[in-house]
Amino acid sequence: GVFDWGGMGCRSLGFKLWWWLYCMDFEVLDANFDKFLDCHIESYQNAGGPKLEKEALRMMFILTAMTQMFGLMAAVSQIYRMCPKKDFPSIKNRYDARVGENINGKSTIRLYIQVMRTILMIMQNWQADKVLDDFETKVCDLLKMSKKDPKTTMEP
């Protein structure tokens, strides 16, 4: 089900869908994602909204996941305060008590690691790089701009 009311506000529906489903194990998300999209599209239309484009909703979801990863990367120092960096090589899975249990009464480390894993799996298995590139192309075409060369050079 829906994790919590996080992500409420005026945002894209793909953004909202991410924040409702982001805590799910990737394997469950991967196996059922098309069904989740179809259910959301149908429910939204049945409630009076327009019929959504499935691939646009998928793109919004993936882009939102990638955006969240930037925030999670900024939390790495917080993760290391909860579990020292030197301990990570000996952690075999996310159920290890050092990262799988509440630390100081909070589930922060468990949640962050779970969501980072999910996003990395999305990036690896769902061709997120292509989704991002296609989005950039669409925006550039819409704005009649050329895409920038992804290579950067440093001048001495």
C-alpha atoms as a PDB file:
ATOM      1  CA  GLY A   1       0.000   0.000   0.000  1.00  0.00           C
ATOM      2  CA  VAL A   2       0.837   3.657   0.122  1.00  0.00           C
ATOM      3  CA  PHE A   3       3.711   4.339   2.560  1.00  0.00           C
ATOM      4  CA  ASP A   4       2.574   7.673   3.984  1.00  0.00           C
ATOM      5  CA  TRP A   5       1.324  11.101   2.990  1.00  0.00           C
ATOM      6  CA  GLY A   6       4.805  12.261   1.985  1.00  0.00           C
ATOM      7  CA  GLY A   7       4.979  14.052  -1.304  1.00  0.00           C
ATOM      8  CA  MET A   8       1.647  15.802  -0.899  1.00  0.00           C
ATOM      9  CA  GLY A   9       1.407  19.070  -2.752  1.00  0.00           C
ATOM     10  CA  CYS A  10       1.229  20.359  -6.287  1.00  0.00           C
ATOM     11  CA  ARG A  11       3.543  18.015  -8.221  1.00  0.00           C
ATOM     12  CA  SER A  12       3.458  15.692 -11.205  1.00  0.00           C
ATOM     13  CA  LEU A  13       1.534  12.478 -10.735  1.00  0.00           C
ATOM     14  CA  GLY A  14       4.695  10.481 -11.398  1.00  0.00           C
ATOM     15  CA  PHE A  15       6.330  12.355  -8.502  1.00  0.00           C
ATOM     16  CA  LYS A  16       3.408  11.490  -6.250  1.00  0.00           C
ATOM     17  CA  LEU A  17       3.424   7.863  -7.355  1.00  0.00           C
ATOM     18  CA  TRP A  18       7.144   7.590  -6.513  1.00  0.00           C
ATOM     19  CA  TRP A  19       6.615   8.986  -3.020  1.00  0.00           C
ATOM     20  CA  TRP A  20       3.745   6.554  -2.442  1.00  0.00           C
ATOM     21  CA  LEU A  21       5.679   3.469  -3.585  1.00  0.00           C
ATOM     22  CA  TYR A  22       9.360   4.231  -2.952  1.00  0.00           C
ATOM     23  CA  CYS A  23       9.774   2.027   0.129  1.00  0.00           C
ATOM     24  CA  MET A  24       8.752  -1.106  -1.728  1.00  0.00           C
ATOM     25  CA  ASP A  25      11.313  -3.827  -2.366  1.00  0.00           C
ATOM     26  CA  PHE A  26      12.607  -3.386  -5.903  1.00  0.00           C
ATOM     27  CA  GLU A  27      11.727  -6.963  -6.838  1.00  0.00           C
ATOM     28  CA  VAL A  28       8.054  -6.358  -5.969  1.00  0.00           C
ATOM     29  CA  LEU A  29       8.066  -2.985  -7.717  1.00  0.00           C
ATOM     30  CA  ASP A  30       9.723  -4.446 -10.811  1.00  0.00           C
ATOM     31  CA  ALA A  31       7.337  -7.392 -11.040  1.00  0.00           C
ATOM     32  CA  ASN A  32       4.223  -5.234 -10.648  1.00  0.00           C
ATOM     33  CA  PHE A  33       5.110  -1.776 -11.927  1.00  0.00           C
ATOM     34  CA  ASP A  34       3.033  -1.949 -15.106  1.00  0.00           C
ATOM     35  CA  LYS A  35       0.042  -3.089 -13.031  1.00  0.00           C
ATOM     36  CA  PHE A  36       0.583  -0.195 -10.615  1.00  0.00           C
ATOM     37  CA  LEU A  37       0.734   2.263 -13.514  1.00  0.00           C
ATOM     38  CA  ASP A  38      -2.396   0.791 -15.115  1.00  0.00           C
ATOM     39  CA  CYS A  39      -4.264   0.877 -11.787  1.00  0.00           C
ATOM     40  CA  HIS A  40      -3.255   4.497 -11.170  1.00  0.00           C
ATOM     41  CA  ILE A  41      -4.232   5.558 -14.682  1.00  0.00           C
ATOM     42  CA  GLU A  42      -7.595   3.792 -14.478  1.00  0.00           C
ATOM     43  CA  SER A  43      -8.362   5.054 -10.951  1.00  0.00           C
ATOM     44  CA  TYR A  44      -7.438   8.614 -11.870  1.00  0.00           C
ATOM     45  CA  GLN A  45      -9.680   8.532 -14.938  1.00  0.00           C
ATOM     46  CA  ASN A  46     -12.538   6.902 -13.007  1.00  0.00           C
ATOM     47  CA  ALA A  47     -12.307   9.724 -10.459  1.00  0.00           C
ATOM     48  CA  GLY A  48     -12.840  12.296 -13.216  1.00  0.00           C
ATOM     49  CA  GLY A  49      -9.293  12.977 -14.336  1.00  0.00           C
ATOM     50  CA  PRO A  50      -8.068  12.686 -17.909  1.00  0.00           C
ATOM     51  CA  LYS A  51      -6.600   9.442 -19.192  1.00  0.00           C
ATOM     52  CA  LEU A  52      -2.882   9.626 -18.458  1.00  0.00           C
ATOM     53  CA  GLU A  53      -0.164   8.506 -20.842  1.00  0.00           C
ATOM     54  CA  LYS A  54       1.457   5.444 -19.333  1.00  0.00           C
ATOM     55  CA  GLU A  55       4.954   6.111 -20.671  1.00  0.00           C
ATOM     56  CA  ALA A  56       4.867   9.737 -19.514  1.00  0.00           C
ATOM     57  CA  LEU A  57       3.878   8.557 -16.027  1.00  0.00           C
ATOM     58  CA  ARG A  58       6.694   5.970 -16.086  1.00  0.00           C
ATOM     59  CA  MET A  59       9.179   8.674 -17.095  1.00  0.00           C
ATOM     60  CA  MET A  60       8.041  10.997 -14.286  1.00  0.00           C
ATOM     61  CA  PHE A  61       8.373   8.165 -11.770  1.00  0.00           C
ATOM     62  CA  ILE A  62      11.912   7.274 -12.865  1.00  0.00           C
ATOM     63  CA  LEU A  63      13.067  10.903 -13.005  1.00  0.00           C
ATOM     64  CA  THR A  64      11.687  11.475  -9.503  1.00  0.00           C
ATOM     65  CA  ALA A  65      13.555   8.422  -8.217  1.00  0.00           C
ATOM     66  CA  MET A  66      16.785   9.717  -9.715  1.00  0.00           C
ATOM     67  CA  THR A  67      16.154  13.140  -8.196  1.00  0.00           C
ATOM     68  CA  GLN A  68      15.690  11.617  -4.757  1.00  0.00           C
ATOM     69  CA  MET A  69      19.079   9.908  -5.077  1.00  0.00           C
ATOM     70  CA  PHE A  70      20.770  13.327  -4.975  1.00  0.00           C
ATOM     71  CA  GLY A  71      19.256  13.945  -1.547  1.00  0.00           C
ATOM     72  CA  LEU A  72      20.188  10.477  -0.384  1.00  0.00           C
ATOM     73  CA  MET A  73      23.788  10.944  -1.496  1.00  0.00           C
ATOM     74  CA  ALA A  74      23.907  14.021   0.713  1.00  0.00           C
ATOM     75  CA  ALA A  75      22.858  11.787   3.635  1.00  0.00           C
ATOM     76  CA  VAL A  76      25.852   9.432   3.377  1.00  0.00           C
ATOM     77  CA  SER A  77      27.669  11.207   6.218  1.00  0.00           C
ATOM     78  CA  GLN A  78      24.553  10.756   8.376  1.00  0.00           C
ATOM     79  CA  ILE A  79      24.514   7.054   7.478  1.00  0.00           C
ATOM     80  CA  TYR A  80      28.162   6.742   8.524  1.00  0.00           C
ATOM     81  CA  ARG A  81      27.361   8.393  11.858  1.00  0.00           C
ATOM     82  CA  MET A  82      24.769   5.677  12.475  1.00  0.00           C
ATOM     83  CA  CYS A  83      26.978   2.848  11.209  1.00  0.00           C
ATOM     84  CA  PRO A  84      30.709   3.489  10.810  1.00  0.00           C
ATOM     85  CA  LYS A  85      32.125   3.206   7.303  1.00  0.00           C
ATOM     86  CA  LYS A  86      34.605   0.561   8.504  1.00  0.00           C
ATOM     87  CA  ASP A  87      31.665  -1.762   9.324  1.00  0.00           C
ATOM     88  CA  PHE A  88      30.145  -1.773   5.847  1.00  0.00           C
ATOM     89  CA  PRO A  89      32.499  -4.342   4.234  1.00  0.00           C
ATOM     90  CA  SER A  90      31.319  -6.941   6.774  1.00  0.00           C
ATOM     91  CA  ILE A  91      27.600  -6.225   6.272  1.00  0.00           C
ATOM     92  CA  LYS A  92      26.228  -8.988   4.045  1.00  0.00           C
ATOM     93  CA  ASN A  93      22.644  -7.762   3.550  1.00  0.00           C
ATOM     94  CA  ARG A  94      20.172  -5.129   4.663  1.00  0.00           C
ATOM     95  CA  TYR A  95      18.889  -7.369   7.467  1.00  0.00           C
ATOM     96  CA  ASP A  96      22.161  -7.043   9.378  1.00  0.00           C
ATOM     97  CA  ALA A  97      21.243  -5.468  12.743  1.00  0.00           C
ATOM     98  CA  ARG A  98      23.785  -2.660  12.197  1.00  0.00           C
ATOM     99  CA  VAL A  99      21.692  -1.310   9.308  1.00  0.00           C
ATOM    100  CA  GLY A 100      18.415  -3.242   9.571  1.00  0.00           C
ATOM    101  CA  GLU A 101      17.335  -2.248  13.056  1.00  0.00           C
ATOM    102  CA  ASN A 102      16.251   1.123  14.363  1.00  0.00           C
ATOM    103  CA  ILE A 103      19.234   3.230  15.423  1.00  0.00           C
ATOM    104  CA  ASN A 104      18.555   5.764  18.159  1.00  0.00           C
ATOM    105  CA  GLY A 105      14.862   4.902  17.828  1.00  0.00           C
ATOM    106  CA  LYS A 106      14.768   5.773  14.111  1.00  0.00           C
ATOM    107  CA  SER A 107      14.523   3.718  10.926  1.00  0.00           C
ATOM    108  CA  THR A 108      16.535   6.305   8.967  1.00  0.00           C
ATOM    109  CA  ILE A 109      19.512   4.137   7.998  1.00  0.00           C
ATOM    110  CA  ARG A 110      17.324   1.188   7.026  1.00  0.00           C
ATOM    111  CA  LEU A 111      15.095   3.416   4.906  1.00  0.00           C
ATOM    112  CA  TYR A 112      17.970   5.256   3.228  1.00  0.00           C
ATOM    113  CA  ILE A 113      19.792   2.062   2.289  1.00  0.00           C
ATOM    114  CA  GLN A 114      16.592   0.400   1.074  1.00  0.00           C
ATOM    115  CA  VAL A 115      15.644   3.363  -1.123  1.00  0.00           C
ATOM    116  CA  MET A 116      19.189   3.807  -2.453  1.00  0.00           C
ATOM    117  CA  ARG A 117      19.182   0.150  -3.473  1.00  0.00           C
ATOM    118  CA  THR A 118      15.791   0.512  -5.172  1.00  0.00           C
ATOM    119  CA  ILE A 119      16.924   3.579  -7.123  1.00  0.00           C
ATOM    120  CA  LEU A 120      20.172   1.908  -8.171  1.00  0.00           C
ATOM    121  CA  MET A 121      18.214  -1.125  -9.378  1.00  0.00           C
ATOM    122  CA  ILE A 122      15.845   1.168 -11.313  1.00  0.00           C
ATOM    123  CA  MET A 123      18.841   2.878 -12.908  1.00  0.00           C
ATOM    124  CA  GLN A 124      20.433  -0.445 -13.806  1.00  0.00           C
ATOM    125  CA  ASN A 125      17.381  -2.455 -14.883  1.00  0.00           C
ATOM    126  CA  TRP A 126      14.983   0.136 -16.274  1.00  0.00           C
ATOM    127  CA  GLN A 127      17.405   2.041 -18.525  1.00  0.00           C
ATOM    128  CA  ALA A 128      17.081   5.220 -16.474  1.00  0.00           C
ATOM    129  CA  ASP A 129      19.951   6.788 -18.401  1.00  0.00           C
ATOM    130  CA  LYS A 130      17.908   6.482 -21.610  1.00  0.00           C
ATOM    131  CA  VAL A 131      14.812   7.848 -19.862  1.00  0.00           C
ATOM    132  CA  LEU A 132      16.821  10.873 -18.724  1.00  0.00           C
ATOM    133  CA  ASP A 133      18.349  11.368 -22.166  1.00  0.00           C
ATOM    134  CA  ASP A 134      14.928  11.103 -23.852  1.00  0.00           C
ATOM    135  CA  PHE A 135      13.497  13.630 -21.390  1.00  0.00           C
ATOM    136  CA  GLU A 136      16.352  16.038 -22.127  1.00  0.00           C
ATOM    137  CA  THR A 137      15.749  15.634 -25.865  1.00  0.00           C
ATOM    138  CA  LYS A 138      12.020  16.341 -25.463  1.00  0.00           C
ATOM    139  CA  VAL A 139      12.653  19.457 -23.372  1.00  0.00           C
ATOM    140  CA  CYS A 140      15.306  20.746 -25.786  1.00  0.00           C
ATOM    141  CA  ASP A 141      12.995  20.138 -28.745  1.00  0.00           C
ATOM    142  CA  LEU A 142      10.131  21.883 -26.977  1.00  0.00           C
ATOM    143  CA  LEU A 143      12.317  24.876 -26.139  1.00  0.00           C
ATOM    144  CA  LYS A 144      14.009  24.776 -29.538  1.00  0.00           C
ATOM    145  CA  MET A 145      17.410  24.403 -27.907  1.00  0.00           C
ATOM    146  CA  SER A 146      20.272  22.097 -28.771  1.00  0.00           C
ATOM    147  CA  LYS A 147      21.456  19.505 -26.307  1.00  0.00           C
ATOM    148  CA  LYS A 148      24.780  20.180 -24.675  1.00  0.00           C
ATOM    149  CA  ASP A 149      27.656  17.817 -25.209  1.00  0.00           C
ATOM    150  CA  PRO A 150      27.841  15.631 -22.088  1.00  0.00           C
ATOM    151  CA  LYS A 151      31.643  15.829 -22.194  1.00  0.00           C
ATOM    152  CA  THR A 152      33.192  18.591 -20.196  1.00  0.00           C
ATOM    153  CA  THR A 153      36.700  19.805 -20.633  1.00  0.00           C
ATOM    154  CA  MET A 154      38.781  21.622 -18.106  1.00  0.00           C
ATOM    155  CA  GLU A 155      40.999  24.298 -19.488  1.00  0.00           C
ATOM    156  CA  PRO A 156      44.363  24.691 -17.765  1.00  0.00           C
END
